[in-house]
Amino acid sequence: MNLDKSTFPNRTLAGSSFEHLVEELNKVVSPLEEALYAIVDAMPHGRDYIGRDEEYKAACAQHTENYNDLLKLKNFFEDKRQHCFEQIAK
C-alpha cells in the first residue's frame, strides 16, 4: 500500500475543482470510518476459541493488524481531503 503524501494534488488554474475533490474524498472517508466500526464489532471473542488460546491470540493479532491497516488508509484519505480543503482558500 502506497501512502506517499507527496502525490497530493496542487491547485492550478487548469486543474480539477478542489471543492469537487473534497466532496469525492468525503465519499471515500465515510465508508472507511463505518468499516472501522464494523471491524471493532467483529473482533474475535474468546468464547469462540475455548481451549485454543494460541489461536485466539493469533486471531486477535491478525484482526488488530487488519484494523490498523484500514486506519492508515482512512487517515491517508482524510489527510488528502484536508490538503484539498486547504487549497480552496488559496
N, C-alpha and C. Protein backbone atom coordinates (compact mmCIF):
# COMPACT_ATOMS: atom_id res chain seq x y z
N MET A 1 0.85 -1.16 0.00
CA MET A 1 0.00 0.00 0.00
C MET A 1 0.90 1.24 0.00
N ASN A 2 0.67 2.11 -0.95
CA ASN A 2 1.48 3.32 -1.08
C ASN A 2 0.72 4.49 -0.46
N LEU A 3 1.26 5.05 0.61
CA LEU A 3 0.63 6.17 1.30
C LEU A 3 1.49 7.42 1.23
N ASP A 4 2.16 7.60 0.12
CA ASP A 4 3.07 8.73 -0.08
C ASP A 4 2.27 10.01 -0.30
N LYS A 5 2.40 10.93 0.62
CA LYS A 5 1.64 12.18 0.55
C LYS A 5 2.22 13.18 -0.44
N SER A 6 3.37 12.89 -0.99
CA SER A 6 3.94 13.79 -1.99
C SER A 6 3.12 13.77 -3.28
N THR A 7 2.20 12.82 -3.40
CA THR A 7 1.37 12.73 -4.60
C THR A 7 0.08 13.53 -4.49
N PHE A 8 -0.13 14.23 -3.39
CA PHE A 8 -1.33 15.04 -3.24
C PHE A 8 -1.34 16.13 -4.31
N PRO A 9 -2.51 16.47 -4.85
CA PRO A 9 -2.59 17.47 -5.92
C PRO A 9 -2.38 18.89 -5.40
N ASN A 10 -1.99 19.74 -6.31
CA ASN A 10 -1.91 21.16 -6.02
C ASN A 10 -2.90 21.88 -6.93
N ARG A 11 -3.45 22.94 -6.41
CA ARG A 11 -4.45 23.71 -7.16
C ARG A 11 -3.76 24.46 -8.30
N THR A 12 -4.32 24.35 -9.49
CA THR A 12 -3.85 25.10 -10.65
C THR A 12 -5.07 25.66 -11.37
N LEU A 13 -4.84 26.61 -12.23
CA LEU A 13 -5.95 27.22 -12.97
C LEU A 13 -6.64 26.22 -13.88
N ALA A 14 -5.88 25.28 -14.44
CA ALA A 14 -6.44 24.31 -15.37
C ALA A 14 -6.84 23.00 -14.69
N GLY A 15 -6.66 22.92 -13.38
CA GLY A 15 -6.88 21.66 -12.67
C GLY A 15 -8.32 21.43 -12.25
N SER A 16 -8.50 20.35 -11.54
CA SER A 16 -9.82 19.96 -11.04
C SER A 16 -10.32 20.93 -9.99
N SER A 17 -11.61 20.96 -9.82
CA SER A 17 -12.23 21.72 -8.74
C SER A 17 -11.89 21.05 -7.41
N PHE A 18 -11.28 21.80 -6.53
CA PHE A 18 -10.93 21.21 -5.24
C PHE A 18 -12.16 21.03 -4.36
N GLU A 19 -13.20 21.83 -4.60
CA GLU A 19 -14.46 21.61 -3.90
C GLU A 19 -15.00 20.22 -4.27
N HIS A 20 -14.93 19.90 -5.56
CA HIS A 20 -15.38 18.59 -6.03
C HIS A 20 -14.50 17.48 -5.45
N LEU A 21 -13.19 17.68 -5.41
CA LEU A 21 -12.29 16.68 -4.86
C LEU A 21 -12.60 16.42 -3.38
N VAL A 22 -12.90 17.46 -2.63
CA VAL A 22 -13.24 17.30 -1.21
C VAL A 22 -14.52 16.47 -1.09
N GLU A 23 -15.51 16.77 -1.92
CA GLU A 23 -16.77 16.00 -1.89
C GLU A 23 -16.51 14.53 -2.21
N GLU A 24 -15.69 14.27 -3.22
CA GLU A 24 -15.40 12.88 -3.60
C GLU A 24 -14.61 12.16 -2.52
N LEU A 25 -13.70 12.86 -1.88
CA LEU A 25 -12.92 12.24 -0.80
C LEU A 25 -13.78 11.98 0.43
N ASN A 26 -14.82 12.80 0.64
CA ASN A 26 -15.79 12.50 1.70
C ASN A 26 -16.46 11.15 1.44
N LYS A 27 -16.72 10.86 0.17
CA LYS A 27 -17.35 9.59 -0.20
C LYS A 27 -16.41 8.40 0.05
N VAL A 28 -15.13 8.66 0.11
CA VAL A 28 -14.15 7.61 0.42
C VAL A 28 -14.02 7.44 1.93
N VAL A 29 -13.89 8.55 2.63
CA VAL A 29 -13.61 8.51 4.07
C VAL A 29 -14.78 7.94 4.87
N SER A 30 -15.99 8.35 4.55
CA SER A 30 -17.15 7.91 5.34
C SER A 30 -17.30 6.39 5.40
N PRO A 31 -17.26 5.68 4.27
CA PRO A 31 -17.37 4.22 4.35
C PRO A 31 -16.19 3.57 5.08
N LEU A 32 -15.01 4.17 4.97
CA LEU A 32 -13.87 3.62 5.69
C LEU A 32 -14.08 3.75 7.20
N GLU A 33 -14.65 4.88 7.63
CA GLU A 33 -14.96 5.05 9.05
C GLU A 33 -15.98 4.00 9.50
N GLU A 34 -17.00 3.78 8.68
CA GLU A 34 -18.01 2.77 9.02
C GLU A 34 -17.38 1.38 9.09
N ALA A 35 -16.46 1.10 8.17
CA ALA A 35 -15.80 -0.20 8.17
C ALA A 35 -14.97 -0.40 9.43
N LEU A 36 -14.33 0.66 9.90
CA LEU A 36 -13.55 0.55 11.13
C LEU A 36 -14.44 0.19 12.32
N TYR A 37 -15.60 0.82 12.41
CA TYR A 37 -16.54 0.47 13.49
C TYR A 37 -16.99 -0.98 13.36
N ALA A 38 -17.24 -1.41 12.14
CA ALA A 38 -17.68 -2.80 11.92
C ALA A 38 -16.58 -3.79 12.30
N ILE A 39 -15.34 -3.44 12.01
CA ILE A 39 -14.22 -4.31 12.37
C ILE A 39 -14.13 -4.45 13.89
N VAL A 40 -14.32 -3.36 14.60
CA VAL A 40 -14.30 -3.42 16.07
C VAL A 40 -15.41 -4.34 16.56
N ASP A 41 -16.60 -4.21 15.97
CA ASP A 41 -17.72 -5.06 16.37
C ASP A 41 -17.46 -6.54 16.08
N ALA A 42 -16.65 -6.82 15.09
CA ALA A 42 -16.38 -8.21 14.68
C ALA A 42 -15.11 -8.77 15.30
N MET A 43 -14.60 -8.11 16.34
CA MET A 43 -13.38 -8.59 17.00
C MET A 43 -13.58 -10.02 17.49
N PRO A 44 -12.59 -10.88 17.32
CA PRO A 44 -12.70 -12.25 17.83
C PRO A 44 -13.00 -12.26 19.33
N HIS A 45 -13.74 -13.25 19.74
CA HIS A 45 -14.10 -13.38 21.16
C HIS A 45 -13.60 -14.72 21.67
N GLY A 46 -13.10 -14.69 22.88
CA GLY A 46 -12.53 -15.89 23.49
C GLY A 46 -13.47 -17.08 23.54
N ARG A 47 -14.77 -16.82 23.62
CA ARG A 47 -15.73 -17.93 23.70
C ARG A 47 -15.75 -18.76 22.42
N ASP A 48 -15.25 -18.18 21.34
CA ASP A 48 -15.19 -18.90 20.07
C ASP A 48 -13.89 -19.69 19.91
N TYR A 49 -13.03 -19.58 20.91
CA TYR A 49 -11.72 -20.25 20.86
C TYR A 49 -11.44 -21.00 22.16
N ILE A 50 -12.46 -21.54 22.78
CA ILE A 50 -12.28 -22.25 24.05
C ILE A 50 -11.29 -23.40 23.87
N GLY A 51 -10.28 -23.40 24.73
CA GLY A 51 -9.25 -24.42 24.66
C GLY A 51 -8.23 -24.20 23.55
N ARG A 52 -8.30 -23.06 22.88
CA ARG A 52 -7.38 -22.76 21.78
C ARG A 52 -6.80 -21.36 21.99
N ASP A 53 -6.14 -21.19 23.10
CA ASP A 53 -5.62 -19.87 23.48
C ASP A 53 -4.67 -19.28 22.45
N GLU A 54 -3.79 -20.06 21.90
CA GLU A 54 -2.82 -19.55 20.92
C GLU A 54 -3.53 -19.08 19.65
N GLU A 55 -4.52 -19.83 19.20
CA GLU A 55 -5.27 -19.44 18.01
C GLU A 55 -6.05 -18.15 18.26
N TYR A 56 -6.59 -18.04 19.48
CA TYR A 56 -7.33 -16.82 19.85
C TYR A 56 -6.39 -15.61 19.83
N LYS A 57 -5.24 -15.76 20.43
CA LYS A 57 -4.26 -14.66 20.42
C LYS A 57 -3.86 -14.30 19.00
N ALA A 58 -3.65 -15.31 18.16
CA ALA A 58 -3.27 -15.06 16.77
C ALA A 58 -4.41 -14.37 16.01
N ALA A 59 -5.64 -14.79 16.26
CA ALA A 59 -6.79 -14.18 15.59
C ALA A 59 -6.94 -12.72 16.01
N CYS A 60 -6.74 -12.44 17.30
CA CYS A 60 -6.81 -11.05 17.77
C CYS A 60 -5.71 -10.20 17.16
N ALA A 61 -4.51 -10.75 17.08
CA ALA A 61 -3.39 -10.01 16.49
C ALA A 61 -3.64 -9.73 15.02
N GLN A 62 -4.15 -10.73 14.31
CA GLN A 62 -4.46 -10.55 12.89
C GLN A 62 -5.56 -9.51 12.72
N HIS A 63 -6.58 -9.58 13.53
CA HIS A 63 -7.69 -8.63 13.47
C HIS A 63 -7.20 -7.21 13.72
N THR A 64 -6.37 -7.05 14.74
CA THR A 64 -5.81 -5.75 15.08
C THR A 64 -4.94 -5.21 13.95
N GLU A 65 -4.13 -6.07 13.36
CA GLU A 65 -3.27 -5.66 12.25
C GLU A 65 -4.12 -5.17 11.07
N ASN A 66 -5.17 -5.91 10.76
CA ASN A 66 -6.05 -5.50 9.66
C ASN A 66 -6.76 -4.19 9.96
N TYR A 67 -7.18 -4.02 11.20
CA TYR A 67 -7.79 -2.76 11.63
C TYR A 67 -6.80 -1.60 11.43
N ASN A 68 -5.58 -1.80 11.89
CA ASN A 68 -4.57 -0.75 11.78
C ASN A 68 -4.25 -0.40 10.33
N ASP A 69 -4.25 -1.41 9.45
CA ASP A 69 -4.02 -1.14 8.03
C ASP A 69 -5.14 -0.28 7.44
N LEU A 70 -6.38 -0.61 7.79
CA LEU A 70 -7.50 0.18 7.30
C LEU A 70 -7.48 1.59 7.89
N LEU A 71 -7.09 1.70 9.15
CA LEU A 71 -6.98 3.01 9.79
C LEU A 71 -5.95 3.88 9.07
N LYS A 72 -4.83 3.29 8.70
CA LYS A 72 -3.80 4.03 7.95
C LYS A 72 -4.37 4.53 6.62
N LEU A 73 -5.13 3.69 5.95
CA LEU A 73 -5.73 4.06 4.67
C LEU A 73 -6.73 5.20 4.86
N LYS A 74 -7.58 5.08 5.88
CA LYS A 74 -8.56 6.15 6.17
C LYS A 74 -7.85 7.45 6.49
N ASN A 75 -6.81 7.39 7.31
CA ASN A 75 -6.06 8.59 7.67
C ASN A 75 -5.41 9.24 6.45
N PHE A 76 -4.93 8.42 5.53
CA PHE A 76 -4.34 8.94 4.30
C PHE A 76 -5.37 9.76 3.52
N PHE A 77 -6.55 9.20 3.34
CA PHE A 77 -7.58 9.91 2.58
C PHE A 77 -8.12 11.11 3.33
N GLU A 78 -8.16 11.05 4.65
CA GLU A 78 -8.52 12.24 5.44
C GLU A 78 -7.49 13.35 5.25
N ASP A 79 -6.23 12.98 5.28
CA ASP A 79 -5.16 13.98 5.07
C ASP A 79 -5.25 14.58 3.68
N LYS A 80 -5.54 13.74 2.70
CA LYS A 80 -5.67 14.23 1.32
C LYS A 80 -6.86 15.18 1.21
N ARG A 81 -7.97 14.81 1.85
CA ARG A 81 -9.16 15.67 1.85
C ARG A 81 -8.83 17.01 2.50
N GLN A 82 -8.14 16.98 3.65
CA GLN A 82 -7.77 18.22 4.33
C GLN A 82 -6.85 19.06 3.47
N HIS A 83 -5.90 18.41 2.80
CA HIS A 83 -4.99 19.12 1.90
C HIS A 83 -5.79 19.84 0.81
N CYS A 84 -6.75 19.15 0.22
CA CYS A 84 -7.56 19.74 -0.85
C CYS A 84 -8.42 20.87 -0.30
N PHE A 85 -8.99 20.68 0.90
CA PHE A 85 -9.80 21.72 1.52
C PHE A 85 -8.98 22.98 1.75
N GLU A 86 -7.76 22.81 2.22
CA GLU A 86 -6.89 23.96 2.47
C GLU A 86 -6.52 24.67 1.18
N GLN A 87 -6.51 23.97 0.06
CA GLN A 87 -6.18 24.58 -1.23
C GLN A 87 -7.33 25.48 -1.72
N ILE A 88 -8.55 25.23 -1.26
CA ILE A 88 -9.71 26.02 -1.71
C ILE A 88 -9.54 27.48 -1.32
N ALA A 89 -9.04 27.73 -0.14
CA ALA A 89 -8.90 29.09 0.36
C ALA A 89 -7.77 29.88 -0.30
N LYS A 90 -6.88 29.19 -0.97
CA LYS A 90 -5.73 29.88 -1.58
C LYS A 90 -6.11 30.63 -2.84
